[in-house]
PDB file of N, CA and C in Angstrom:
ATOM      1  N   UNK A   1       0.849  -1.170   0.000  1.00  0.00           N
ATOM      2  CA  UNK A   1       0.000   0.000   0.000  1.00  0.00           C
ATOM      3  C   UNK A   1       0.896   1.236   0.000  1.00  0.00           C
ATOM      4  N   UNK A   2       0.733   2.096  -0.982  1.00  0.00           N
ATOM      5  CA  UNK A   2       1.504   3.336  -1.077  1.00  0.00           C
ATOM      6  C   UNK A   2       0.624   4.516  -0.694  1.00  0.00           C
ATOM      7  N   UNK A   3       1.041   5.228   0.335  1.00  0.00           N
ATOM      8  CA  UNK A   3       0.307   6.402   0.804  1.00  0.00           C
ATOM      9  C   UNK A   3       1.211   7.616   0.658  1.00  0.00           C
ATOM     10  N   UNK A   4       0.727   8.610  -0.061  1.00  0.00           N
ATOM     11  CA  UNK A   4       1.453   9.865  -0.241  1.00  0.00           C
ATOM     12  C   UNK A   4       0.809  10.914   0.657  1.00  0.00           C
ATOM     13  N   UNK A   5       1.626  11.713   1.315  1.00  0.00           N
ATOM     14  CA  UNK A   5       1.134  12.792   2.174  1.00  0.00           C
ATOM     15  C   UNK A   5       1.758  14.091   1.685  1.00  0.00           C
ATOM     16  N   UNK A   6       0.912  15.083   1.406  1.00  0.00           N
ATOM     17  CA  UNK A   6       1.379  16.358   0.864  1.00  0.00           C
ATOM     18  C   UNK A   6       0.901  17.489   1.763  1.00  0.00           C
ATOM     19  N   UNK A   7       1.843  18.193   2.373  1.00  0.00           N
ATOM     20  CA  UNK A   7       1.511  19.356   3.206  1.00  0.00           C
ATOM     21  C   UNK A   7       2.746  20.235   3.310  1.00  0.00           C
ATOM     22  N   UNK A   8       2.564  21.532   3.182  1.00  0.00           N
ATOM     23  CA  UNK A   8       3.703  22.447   3.237  1.00  0.00           C
ATOM     24  C   UNK A   8       4.172  22.730   4.663  1.00  0.00           C
ATOM     25  N   UNK A   9       3.411  22.301   5.650  1.00  0.00           N
ATOM     26  CA  UNK A   9       3.805  22.461   7.051  1.00  0.00           C
ATOM     27  C   UNK A   9       4.636  21.238   7.442  1.00  0.00           C
ATOM     28  N   UNK A  10       5.931  21.445   7.564  1.00  0.00           N
ATOM     29  CA  UNK A  10       6.845  20.324   7.802  1.00  0.00           C
ATOM     30  C   UNK A  10       6.563  19.600   9.115  1.00  0.00           C
ATOM     31  N   UNK A  11       6.190  20.361  10.153  1.00  0.00           N
ATOM     32  CA  UNK A  11       5.884  19.734  11.442  1.00  0.00           C
ATOM     33  C   UNK A  11       4.642  18.851  11.345  1.00  0.00           C
ATOM     34  N   UNK A  12       3.597  19.373  10.695  1.00  0.00           N
ATOM     35  CA  UNK A  12       2.378  18.580  10.525  1.00  0.00           C
ATOM     36  C   UNK A  12       2.651  17.359   9.654  1.00  0.00           C
ATOM     37  N   UNK A  13       3.429  17.548   8.626  1.00  0.00           N
ATOM     38  CA  UNK A  13       3.772  16.433   7.742  1.00  0.00           C
ATOM     39  C   UNK A  13       4.436  15.306   8.529  1.00  0.00           C
ATOM     40  N   UNK A  14       5.334  15.662   9.424  1.00  0.00           N
ATOM     41  CA  UNK A  14       6.015  14.660  10.250  1.00  0.00           C
ATOM     42  C   UNK A  14       5.038  13.981  11.210  1.00  0.00           C
ATOM     43  N   UNK A  15       4.111  14.751  11.791  1.00  0.00           N
ATOM     44  CA  UNK A  15       3.099  14.166  12.684  1.00  0.00           C
ATOM     45  C   UNK A  15       2.212  13.171  11.942  1.00  0.00           C
ATOM     46  N   UNK A  16       1.787  13.547  10.749  1.00  0.00           N
ATOM     47  CA  UNK A  16       0.928  12.668   9.956  1.00  0.00           C
ATOM     48  C   UNK A  16       1.670  11.392   9.569  1.00  0.00           C
ATOM     49  N   UNK A  17       2.919  11.547   9.224  1.00  0.00           N
ATOM     50  CA  UNK A  17       3.729  10.372   8.883  1.00  0.00           C
ATOM     51  C   UNK A  17       3.859   9.449  10.091  1.00  0.00           C
ATOM     52  N   UNK A  18       4.121  10.026  11.255  1.00  0.00           N
ATOM     53  CA  UNK A  18       4.242   9.207  12.466  1.00  0.00           C
ATOM     54  C   UNK A  18       2.926   8.520  12.817  1.00  0.00           C
ATOM     55  N   UNK A  19       1.805   9.202  12.556  1.00  0.00           N
ATOM     56  CA  UNK A  19       0.493   8.621  12.866  1.00  0.00           C
ATOM     57  C   UNK A  19       0.235   7.353  12.055  1.00  0.00           C
ATOM     58  N   UNK A  20       0.847   7.271  10.882  1.00  0.00           N
ATOM     59  CA  UNK A  20       0.632   6.112  10.008  1.00  0.00           C
ATOM     60  C   UNK A  20       1.807   5.143   9.995  1.00  0.00           C
ATOM     61  N   UNK A  21       2.887   5.495  10.657  1.00  0.00           N
ATOM     62  CA  UNK A  21       4.126   4.719  10.528  1.00  0.00           C
ATOM     63  C   UNK A  21       4.039   3.300  11.088  1.00  0.00           C
ATOM     64  N   UNK A  22       3.141   3.055  12.023  1.00  0.00           N
ATOM     65  CA  UNK A  22       3.043   1.699  12.579  1.00  0.00           C
ATOM     66  C   UNK A  22       2.295   0.738  11.650  1.00  0.00           C
ATOM     67  N   UNK A  23       1.647   1.283  10.642  1.00  0.00           N
ATOM     68  CA  UNK A  23       0.942   0.447   9.670  1.00  0.00           C
ATOM     69  C   UNK A  23       1.946  -0.034   8.629  1.00  0.00           C
ATOM     70  N   UNK A  24       1.691  -1.129   8.037  1.00  0.00           N
ATOM     71  CA  UNK A  24       2.641  -1.720   7.095  1.00  0.00           C
ATOM     72  C   UNK A  24       2.440  -1.147   5.690  1.00  0.00           C
ATOM     73  N   UNK A  25       2.635   0.155   5.577  1.00  0.00           N
ATOM     74  CA  UNK A  25       2.448   0.852   4.312  1.00  0.00           C
ATOM     75  C   UNK A  25       3.723   1.586   3.932  1.00  0.00           C
ATOM     76  N   UNK A  26       3.872   1.838   2.648  1.00  0.00           N
ATOM     77  CA  UNK A  26       4.965   2.682   2.159  1.00  0.00           C
ATOM     78  C   UNK A  26       4.483   4.127   2.200  1.00  0.00           C
ATOM     79  N   UNK A  27       5.165   4.959   2.969  1.00  0.00           N
ATOM     80  CA  UNK A  27       4.769   6.359   3.126  1.00  0.00           C
ATOM     81  C   UNK A  27       5.734   7.261   2.372  1.00  0.00           C
ATOM     82  N   UNK A  28       5.172   8.177   1.596  1.00  0.00           N
ATOM     83  CA  UNK A  28       5.953   9.160   0.842  1.00  0.00           C
ATOM     84  C   UNK A  28       5.456  10.536   1.255  1.00  0.00           C
ATOM     85  N   UNK A  29       6.368  11.449   1.544  1.00  0.00           N
ATOM     86  CA  UNK A  29       5.957  12.787   1.978  1.00  0.00           C
ATOM     87  C   UNK A  29       6.497  13.844   1.021  1.00  0.00           C
ATOM     88  N   UNK A  30       5.691  14.895   0.865  1.00  0.00           N
ATOM     89  CA  UNK A  30       6.027  15.983  -0.049  1.00  0.00           C
ATOM     90  C   UNK A  30       5.633  17.310   0.591  1.00  0.00           C
ATOM     91  N   UNK A  31       6.500  18.313   0.442  1.00  0.00           N
ATOM     92  CA  UNK A  31       6.228  19.644   0.985  1.00  0.00           C
ATOM     93  C   UNK A  31       5.604  20.588  -0.039  1.00  0.00           C
ATOM     94  N   UNK A  32       5.711  20.274  -1.309  1.00  0.00           N
ATOM     95  CA  UNK A  32       5.226  21.155  -2.371  1.00  0.00           C
ATOM     96  C   UNK A  32       4.485  20.346  -3.435  1.00  0.00           C
ATOM     97  N   UNK A  33       3.549  21.023  -4.077  1.00  0.00           N
ATOM     98  CA  UNK A  33       2.824  20.384  -5.168  1.00  0.00           C
ATOM     99  C   UNK A  33       3.737  19.991  -6.312  1.00  0.00           C
ATOM    100  N   UNK A  34       4.727  20.829  -6.606  1.00  0.00           N
ATOM    101  CA  UNK A  34       5.655  20.532  -7.700  1.00  0.00           C
ATOM    102  C   UNK A  34       6.430  19.244  -7.433  1.00  0.00           C
ATOM    103  N   UNK A  35       6.754  18.983  -6.175  1.00  0.00           N
ATOM    104  CA  UNK A  35       7.447  17.734  -5.833  1.00  0.00           C
ATOM    105  C   UNK A  35       6.575  16.532  -6.192  1.00  0.00           C
ATOM    106  N   UNK A  36       5.286  16.656  -5.936  1.00  0.00           N
ATOM    107  CA  UNK A  36       4.355  15.566  -6.247  1.00  0.00           C
ATOM    108  C   UNK A  36       4.298  15.339  -7.751  1.00  0.00           C
ATOM    109  N   UNK A  37       4.145  16.424  -8.515  1.00  0.00           N
ATOM    110  CA  UNK A  37       4.057  16.287  -9.969  1.00  0.00           C
ATOM    111  C   UNK A  37       5.322  15.652 -10.532  1.00  0.00           C
ATOM    112  N   UNK A  38       6.473  16.073 -10.035  1.00  0.00           N
ATOM    113  CA  UNK A  38       7.731  15.479 -10.496  1.00  0.00           C
ATOM    114  C   UNK A  38       7.798  13.997 -10.148  1.00  0.00           C
ATOM    115  N   UNK A  39       7.351  13.640  -8.954  1.00  0.00           N
ATOM    116  CA  UNK A  39       7.374  12.237  -8.527  1.00  0.00           C
ATOM    117  C   UNK A  39       6.403  11.401  -9.357  1.00  0.00           C
ATOM    118  N   UNK A  40       5.239  11.958  -9.654  1.00  0.00           N
ATOM    119  CA  UNK A  40       4.273  11.266 -10.515  1.00  0.00           C
ATOM    120  C   UNK A  40       4.927  10.954 -11.855  1.00  0.00           C
ATOM    121  N   UNK A  41       5.628  11.934 -12.395  1.00  0.00           N
ATOM    122  CA  UNK A  41       6.232  11.762 -13.714  1.00  0.00           C
ATOM    123  C   UNK A  41       7.346  10.717 -13.733  1.00  0.00           C
ATOM    124  N   UNK A  42       7.952  10.439 -12.583  1.00  0.00           N
ATOM    125  CA  UNK A  42       8.988   9.397 -12.537  1.00  0.00           C
ATOM    126  C   UNK A  42       8.376   8.004 -12.603  1.00  0.00           C
ATOM    127  N   UNK A  43       7.117   7.874 -12.152  1.00  0.00           N
ATOM    128  CA  UNK A  43       6.466   6.569 -12.118  1.00  0.00           C
ATOM    129  C   UNK A  43       7.074   5.623 -11.098  1.00  0.00           C
ATOM    130  N   UNK A  44       7.834   6.170 -10.162  1.00  0.00           N
ATOM    131  CA  UNK A  44       8.551   5.347  -9.179  1.00  0.00           C
ATOM    132  C   UNK A  44       7.624   4.569  -8.251  1.00  0.00           C
ATOM    133  N   UNK A  45       6.512   5.177  -7.864  1.00  0.00           N
ATOM    134  CA  UNK A  45       5.567   4.506  -6.961  1.00  0.00           C
ATOM    135  C   UNK A  45       4.154   4.954  -7.304  1.00  0.00           C
ATOM    136  N   UNK A  46       3.273   4.012  -7.461  1.00  0.00           N
ATOM    137  CA  UNK A  46       1.870   4.302  -7.760  1.00  0.00           C
ATOM    138  C   UNK A  46       1.133   4.519  -6.440  1.00  0.00           C
ATOM    139  N   UNK A  47       0.474   5.672  -6.278  1.00  0.00           N
ATOM    140  CA  UNK A  47      -0.227   5.912  -5.012  1.00  0.00           C
ATOM    141  C   UNK A  47      -1.546   5.149  -4.944  1.00  0.00           C
ATOM    142  N   UNK A  48      -1.809   4.569  -3.790  1.00  0.00           N
ATOM    143  CA  UNK A  48      -3.131   4.016  -3.520  1.00  0.00           C
ATOM    144  C   UNK A  48      -4.000   5.084  -2.878  1.00  0.00           C
ATOM    145  N   UNK A  49      -3.390   5.839  -1.956  1.00  0.00           N
ATOM    146  CA  UNK A  49      -4.075   6.937  -1.269  1.00  0.00           C
ATOM    147  C   UNK A  49      -3.140   8.139  -1.254  1.00  0.00           C
ATOM    148  N   UNK A  50      -3.712   9.311  -1.533  1.00  0.00           N
ATOM    149  CA  UNK A  50      -2.969  10.567  -1.452  1.00  0.00           C
ATOM    150  C   UNK A  50      -3.681  11.456  -0.449  1.00  0.00           C
ATOM    151  N   UNK A  51      -2.956  11.879   0.575  1.00  0.00           N
ATOM    152  CA  UNK A  51      -3.472  12.832   1.557  1.00  0.00           C
ATOM    153  C   UNK A  51      -2.925  14.186   1.134  1.00  0.00           C
ATOM    154  N   UNK A  52      -3.817  15.115   0.796  1.00  0.00           N
ATOM    155  CA  UNK A  52      -3.417  16.361   0.141  1.00  0.00           C
ATOM    156  C   UNK A  52      -3.952  17.581   0.875  1.00  0.00           C
ATOM    157  N   UNK A  53      -3.048  18.447   1.310  1.00  0.00           N
ATOM    158  CA  UNK A  53      -3.452  19.730   1.888  1.00  0.00           C
ATOM    159  C   UNK A  53      -4.025  20.588   0.766  1.00  0.00           C
ATOM    160  N   UNK A  54      -5.159  21.219   1.011  1.00  0.00           N
ATOM    161  CA  UNK A  54      -5.817  22.002  -0.026  1.00  0.00           C
ATOM    162  C   UNK A  54      -5.088  23.306  -0.323  1.00  0.00           C
ATOM    163  N   UNK A  55      -4.343  23.822   0.640  1.00  0.00           N
ATOM    164  CA  UNK A  55      -3.660  25.100   0.465  1.00  0.00           C
ATOM    165  C   UNK A  55      -2.157  24.862   0.388  1.00  0.00           C
ATOM    166  N   UNK A  56      -1.651  24.785  -0.813  1.00  0.00           N
ATOM    167  CA  UNK A  56      -0.220  24.621  -1.040  1.00  0.00           C
ATOM    168  C   UNK A  56       0.354  25.948  -1.542  1.00  0.00           C
ATOM    169  N   UNK A  57       1.602  26.254  -1.215  1.00  0.00           N
ATOM    170  CA  UNK A  57       2.155  27.560  -1.578  1.00  0.00           C
ATOM    171  C   UNK A  57       2.529  27.703  -3.051  1.00  0.00           C
ATOM    172  N   UNK A  58       2.768  26.594  -3.740  1.00  0.00           N
ATOM    173  CA  UNK A  58       3.296  26.714  -5.096  1.00  0.00           C
ATOM    174  C   UNK A  58       2.304  26.400  -6.207  1.00  0.00           C
ATOM    175  N   UNK A  59       1.377  25.504  -5.952  1.00  0.00           N
ATOM    176  CA  UNK A  59       0.414  25.101  -6.980  1.00  0.00           C
ATOM    177  C   UNK A  59      -0.959  24.917  -6.356  1.00  0.00           C
ATOM    178  N   UNK A  60      -2.017  25.142  -7.129  1.00  0.00           N
ATOM    179  CA  UNK A  60      -3.349  24.837  -6.606  1.00  0.00           C
ATOM    180  C   UNK A  60      -3.491  23.327  -6.372  1.00  0.00           C
ATOM    181  N   UNK A  61      -4.032  22.968  -5.238  1.00  0.00           N
ATOM    182  CA  UNK A  61      -4.218  21.548  -4.919  1.00  0.00           C
ATOM    183  C   UNK A  61      -5.111  20.865  -5.956  1.00  0.00           C
ATOM    184  N   UNK A  62      -6.064  21.606  -6.509  1.00  0.00           N
ATOM    185  CA  UNK A  62      -6.937  21.027  -7.533  1.00  0.00           C
ATOM    186  C   UNK A  62      -6.119  20.567  -8.740  1.00  0.00           C
ATOM    187  N   UNK A  63      -5.089  21.325  -9.101  1.00  0.00           N
ATOM    188  CA  UNK A  63      -4.224  20.949 -10.220  1.00  0.00           C
ATOM    189  C   UNK A  63      -3.429  19.682  -9.883  1.00  0.00           C
ATOM    190  N   UNK A  64      -2.922  19.626  -8.670  1.00  0.00           N
ATOM    191  CA  UNK A  64      -2.174  18.443  -8.232  1.00  0.00           C
ATOM    192  C   UNK A  64      -3.088  17.220  -8.243  1.00  0.00           C
ATOM    193  N   UNK A  65      -4.298  17.391  -7.718  1.00  0.00           N
ATOM    194  CA  UNK A  65      -5.255  16.291  -7.660  1.00  0.00           C
ATOM    195  C   UNK A  65      -5.641  15.834  -9.070  1.00  0.00           C
ATOM    196  N   UNK A  66      -5.825  16.770  -9.971  1.00  0.00           N
ATOM    197  CA  UNK A  66      -6.188  16.418 -11.346  1.00  0.00           C
ATOM    198  C   UNK A  66      -5.065  15.634 -12.025  1.00  0.00           C
ATOM    199  N   UNK A  67      -3.832  16.068 -11.824  1.00  0.00           N
ATOM    200  CA  UNK A  67      -2.691  15.373 -12.433  1.00  0.00           C
ATOM    201  C   UNK A  67      -2.571  13.949 -11.885  1.00  0.00           C
ATOM    202  N   UNK A  68      -2.723  13.818 -10.582  1.00  0.00           N
ATOM    203  CA  UNK A  68      -2.679  12.484  -9.975  1.00  0.00           C
ATOM    204  C   UNK A  68      -3.809  11.622 -10.538  1.00  0.00           C
ATOM    205  N   UNK A  69      -5.013  12.198 -10.623  1.00  0.00           N
ATOM    206  CA  UNK A  69      -6.166  11.456 -11.131  1.00  0.00           C
ATOM    207  C   UNK A  69      -6.015  11.026 -12.578  1.00  0.00           C
ATOM    208  N   UNK A  70      -5.364  11.861 -13.379  1.00  0.00           N
ATOM    209  CA  UNK A  70      -5.130  11.523 -14.780  1.00  0.00           C
ATOM    210  C   UNK A  70      -4.139  10.369 -14.906  1.00  0.00           C
ATOM    211  N   UNK A  71      -3.073  10.439 -14.128  1.00  0.00           N
ATOM    212  CA  UNK A  71      -2.025   9.409 -14.203  1.00  0.00           C
ATOM    213  C   UNK A  71      -2.386   8.140 -13.439  1.00  0.00           C
ATOM    214  N   UNK A  72      -3.099   8.320 -12.342  1.00  0.00           N
ATOM    215  CA  UNK A  72      -3.445   7.192 -11.464  1.00  0.00           C
ATOM    216  C   UNK A  72      -4.929   7.267 -11.099  1.00  0.00           C
ATOM    217  N   UNK A  73      -5.809   6.913 -12.022  1.00  0.00           N
ATOM    218  CA  UNK A  73      -7.247   7.087 -11.794  1.00  0.00           C
ATOM    219  C   UNK A  73      -7.818   6.269 -10.636  1.00  0.00           C
ATOM    220  N   UNK A  74      -7.120   5.242 -10.190  1.00  0.00           N
ATOM    221  CA  UNK A  74      -7.624   4.442  -9.073  1.00  0.00           C
ATOM    222  C   UNK A  74      -7.183   4.983  -7.716  1.00  0.00           C
ATOM    223  N   UNK A  75      -6.302   5.965  -7.714  1.00  0.00           N
ATOM    224  CA  UNK A  75      -5.823   6.537  -6.451  1.00  0.00           C
ATOM    225  C   UNK A  75      -6.959   7.269  -5.741  1.00  0.00           C
ATOM    226  N   UNK A  76      -7.082   7.024  -4.461  1.00  0.00           N
ATOM    227  CA  UNK A  76      -8.060   7.714  -3.629  1.00  0.00           C
ATOM    228  C   UNK A  76      -7.373   8.932  -3.014  1.00  0.00           C
ATOM    229  N   UNK A  77      -8.104  10.038  -2.921  1.00  0.00           N
ATOM    230  CA  UNK A  77      -7.523  11.281  -2.411  1.00  0.00           C
ATOM    231  C   UNK A  77      -8.295  11.728  -1.182  1.00  0.00           C
ATOM    232  N   UNK A  78      -7.560  12.066  -0.136  1.00  0.00           N
ATOM    233  CA  UNK A  78      -8.128  12.670   1.069  1.00  0.00           C
ATOM    234  C   UNK A  78      -7.617  14.101   1.115  1.00  0.00           C
ATOM    235  N   UNK A  79      -8.526  15.048   1.045  1.00  0.00           N
ATOM    236  CA  UNK A  79      -8.159  16.463   1.075  1.00  0.00           C
ATOM    237  C   UNK A  79      -8.295  16.981   2.498  1.00  0.00           C
ATOM    238  N   UNK A  80      -7.260  17.677   2.955  1.00  0.00           N
ATOM    239  CA  UNK A  80      -7.279  18.305   4.280  1.00  0.00           C
ATOM    240  C   UNK A  80      -7.488  19.805   4.091  1.00  0.00           C
ATOM    241  N   UNK A  81      -8.482  20.344   4.797  1.00  0.00           N
ATOM    242  CA  UNK A  81      -8.745  21.777   4.692  1.00  0.00           C
ATOM    243  C   UNK A  81      -9.587  22.237   5.867  1.00  0.00           C
ATOM    244  N   UNK A  82      -9.369  23.471   6.269  1.00  0.00           N
ATOM    245  CA  UNK A  82     -10.205  24.078   7.293  1.00  0.00           C
ATOM    246  C   UNK A  82     -11.487  24.656   6.715  1.00  0.00           C
ATOM    247  N   UNK A  83     -11.630  24.625   5.406  1.00  0.00           N
ATOM    248  CA  UNK A  83     -12.797  25.172   4.722  1.00  0.00           C
ATOM    249  C   UNK A  83     -13.732  24.026   4.328  1.00  0.00           C
ATOM    250  N   UNK A  84     -14.866  23.936   4.997  1.00  0.00           N
ATOM    251  CA  UNK A  84     -15.796  22.828   4.732  1.00  0.00           C
ATOM    252  C   UNK A  84     -16.455  22.927   3.357  1.00  0.00           C
ATOM    253  N   UNK A  85     -16.430  24.086   2.727  1.00  0.00           N
ATOM    254  CA  UNK A  85     -17.025  24.225   1.385  1.00  0.00           C
ATOM    255  C   UNK A  85     -16.247  23.443   0.329  1.00  0.00           C
ATOM    256  N   UNK A  86     -15.004  23.174   0.634  1.00  0.00           N
ATOM    257  CA  UNK A  86     -14.168  22.409  -0.294  1.00  0.00           C
ATOM    258  C   UNK A  86     -14.782  21.041  -0.562  1.00  0.00           C
ATOM    259  N   UNK A  87     -15.378  20.449   0.461  1.00  0.00           N
ATOM    260  CA  UNK A  87     -15.940  19.101   0.334  1.00  0.00           C
ATOM    261  C   UNK A  87     -16.930  19.005  -0.822  1.00  0.00           C
ATOM    262  N   UNK A  88     -17.728  20.053  -1.016  1.00  0.00           N
ATOM    263  CA  UNK A  88     -18.737  20.052  -2.084  1.00  0.00           C
ATOM    264  C   UNK A  88     -18.106  20.086  -3.470  1.00  0.00           C
ATOM    265  N   UNK A  89     -16.881  20.573  -3.573  1.00  0.00           N
ATOM    266  CA  UNK A  89     -16.210  20.734  -4.864  1.00  0.00           C
ATOM    267  C   UNK A  89     -15.377  19.521  -5.268  1.00  0.00           C
ATOM    268  N   UNK A  90     -15.247  18.575  -4.369  1.00  0.00           N
ATOM    269  CA  UNK A  90     -14.350  17.451  -4.625  1.00  0.00           C
ATOM    270  C   UNK A  90     -14.965  16.436  -5.581  1.00  0.00           C
ATOM    271  N   UNK A  91     -14.135  15.808  -6.393  1.00  0.00           N
ATOM    272  CA  UNK A  91     -14.643  14.745  -7.268  1.00  0.00           C
ATOM    273  C   UNK A  91     -15.048  13.519  -6.460  1.00  0.00           C
ATOM    274  N   UNK A  92     -15.689  12.609  -7.134  1.00  0.00           N
ATOM    275  CA  UNK A  92     -16.255  11.419  -6.491  1.00  0.00           C
ATOM    276  C   UNK A  92     -15.217  10.568  -5.760  1.00  0.00           C
ATOM    277  N   UNK A  93     -14.022  10.494  -6.285  1.00  0.00           N
ATOM    278  CA  UNK A  93     -12.989   9.630  -5.694  1.00  0.00           C
ATOM    279  C   UNK A  93     -12.227  10.306  -4.552  1.00  0.00           C
ATOM    280  N   UNK A  94     -12.684  11.479  -4.106  1.00  0.00           N
ATOM    281  CA  UNK A  94     -11.960  12.219  -3.066  1.00  0.00           C
ATOM    282  C   UNK A  94     -12.778  12.311  -1.782  1.00  0.00           C
ATOM    283  N   UNK A  95     -12.071  12.392  -0.682  1.00  0.00           N
ATOM    284  CA  UNK A  95     -12.664  12.519   0.651  1.00  0.00           C
ATOM    285  C   UNK A  95     -12.133  13.805   1.275  1.00  0.00           C
ATOM    286  N   UNK A  96     -12.817  14.280   2.307  1.00  0.00           N
ATOM    287  CA  UNK A  96     -12.416  15.516   2.974  1.00  0.00           C
ATOM    288  C   UNK A  96     -12.303  15.275   4.466  1.00  0.00           C
ATOM    289  N   UNK A  97     -11.254  15.843   5.067  1.00  0.00           N
ATOM    290  CA  UNK A  97     -11.127  15.859   6.518  1.00  0.00           C
ATOM    291  C   UNK A  97     -10.839  17.302   6.917  1.00  0.00           C
ATOM    292  N   UNK A  98     -11.633  17.795   7.857  1.00  0.00           N
ATOM    293  CA  UNK A  98     -11.518  19.191   8.271  1.00  0.00           C
ATOM    294  C   UNK A  98     -10.379  19.424   9.239  1.00  0.00           C
ATOM    295  N   UNK A  99      -9.639  20.471   8.969  1.00  0.00           N
ATOM    296  CA  UNK A  99      -8.581  20.907   9.890  1.00  0.00           C
ATOM    297  C   UNK A  99      -9.195  21.874  10.880  1.00  0.00           C
ATOM    298  N   UNK A 100      -8.794  21.859  12.101  1.00  0.00           N
ATOM    299  CA  UNK A 100      -7.865  20.915  12.723  1.00  0.00           C
ATOM    300  C   UNK A 100      -8.569  19.587  13.004  1.00  0.00           C
ATOM    301  N   UNK A 101      -7.802  18.534  13.117  1.00  0.00           N
ATOM    302  CA  UNK A 101      -8.352  17.216  13.413  1.00  0.00           C
ATOM    303  C   UNK A 101      -7.437  16.505  14.406  1.00  0.00           C
ATOM    304  N   UNK A 102      -7.987  15.490  15.052  1.00  0.00           N
ATOM    305  CA  UNK A 102      -7.194  14.654  15.952  1.00  0.00           C
ATOM    306  C   UNK A 102      -6.459  13.611  15.112  1.00  0.00           C
ATOM    307  N   UNK A 103      -5.254  13.300  15.507  1.00  0.00           N
ATOM    308  CA  UNK A 103      -4.471  12.319  14.753  1.00  0.00           C
ATOM    309  C   UNK A 103      -5.161  10.961  14.693  1.00  0.00           C
ATOM    310  N   UNK A 104      -5.875  10.600  15.753  1.00  0.00           N
ATOM    311  CA  UNK A 104      -6.611   9.336  15.744  1.00  0.00           C
ATOM    312  C   UNK A 104      -7.690   9.322  14.674  1.00  0.00           C
ATOM    313  N   UNK A 105      -8.391  10.443  14.517  1.00  0.00           N
ATOM    314  CA  UNK A 105      -9.427  10.547  13.481  1.00  0.00           C
ATOM    315  C   UNK A 105      -8.798  10.498  12.089  1.00  0.00           C
ATOM    316  N   UNK A 106      -7.660  11.145  11.944  1.00  0.00           N
ATOM    317  CA  UNK A 106      -6.940  11.119  10.667  1.00  0.00           C
ATOM    318  C   UNK A 106      -6.537   9.684  10.315  1.00  0.00           C
ATOM    319  N   UNK A 107      -5.928   9.029  11.271  1.00  0.00           N
ATOM    320  CA  UNK A 107      -5.468   7.652  11.048  1.00  0.00           C
ATOM    321  C   UNK A 107      -6.642   6.742  10.677  1.00  0.00           C
ATOM    322  N   UNK A 108      -7.764   6.893  11.380  1.00  0.00           N
ATOM    323  CA  UNK A 108      -8.934   6.063  11.096  1.00  0.00           C
ATOM    324  C   UNK A 108      -9.490   6.349   9.706  1.00  0.00           C
ATOM    325  N   UNK A 109      -9.498   7.612   9.311  1.00  0.00           N
ATOM    326  CA  UNK A 109     -10.010   7.942   7.986  1.00  0.00           C
ATOM    327  C   UNK A 109      -9.146   7.299   6.905  1.00  0.00           C
ATOM    328  N   UNK A 110      -7.844   7.386   7.055  1.00  0.00           N
ATOM    329  CA  UNK A 110      -6.963   6.772   6.059  1.00  0.00           C
ATOM    330  C   UNK A 110      -7.184   5.257   6.031  1.00  0.00           C
ATOM    331  N   UNK A 111      -7.307   4.653   7.184  1.00  0.00           N
ATOM    332  CA  UNK A 111      -7.569   3.203   7.236  1.00  0.00           C
ATOM    333  C   UNK A 111      -8.899   2.860   6.564  1.00  0.00           C
ATOM    334  N   UNK A 112      -9.928   3.680   6.795  1.00  0.00           N
ATOM    335  CA  UNK A 112     -11.230   3.442   6.167  1.00  0.00           C
ATOM    336  C   UNK A 112     -11.133   3.527   4.647  1.00  0.00           C
ATOM    337  N   UNK A 113     -10.419   4.522   4.156  1.00  0.00           N
ATOM    338  CA  UNK A 113     -10.261   4.677   2.709  1.00  0.00           C
ATOM    339  C   UNK A 113      -9.474   3.495   2.142  1.00  0.00           C
ATOM    340  N   UNK A 114      -8.419   3.100   2.810  1.00  0.00           N
ATOM    341  CA  UNK A 114      -7.624   1.949   2.361  1.00  0.00           C
ATOM    342  C   UNK A 114      -8.478   0.684   2.322  1.00  0.00           C
ATOM    343  N   UNK A 115      -9.366   0.528   3.286  1.00  0.00           N
ATOM    344  CA  UNK A 115     -10.198  -0.685   3.335  1.00  0.00           C
ATOM    345  C   UNK A 115     -11.164  -0.781   2.154  1.00  0.00           C
ATOM    346  N   UNK A 116     -11.428   0.333   1.482  1.00  0.00           N
ATOM    347  CA  UNK A 116     -12.339   0.343   0.332  1.00  0.00           C
ATOM    348  C   UNK A 116     -11.632   0.012  -0.977  1.00  0.00           C
ATOM    349  N   UNK A 117     -10.323  -0.071  -0.927  1.00  0.00           N
ATOM    350  CA  UNK A 117      -9.552  -0.306  -2.157  1.00  0.00           C
ATOM    351  C   UNK A 117      -9.533  -1.799  -2.471  1.00  0.00           C
TER     352      UNK A 117
END
């Protein structure tokens, strides 16, 4: 299981990685949308789940999500945002978790999404 986590907040990124580290999954972390696009283009690892912060400093998250969806249409996306209106705009294969959240709730959501694959 390949799980990608994208967030420009390095501390939060590390917390999210630690929250999932006890699970037997391959975790990949990215601080910028451009890093994700470059990694997608390498084809090095196919994501099963992508956890994506909606507010990235370099690229719109919607663009990152679209590129991932084009290259990996089976990848499930969990969008993190403090704006609940984002949920209404998400495509069918995407989920939303509102910031701030408890790490236990985050971990459970990722596990729930993985269980549907």
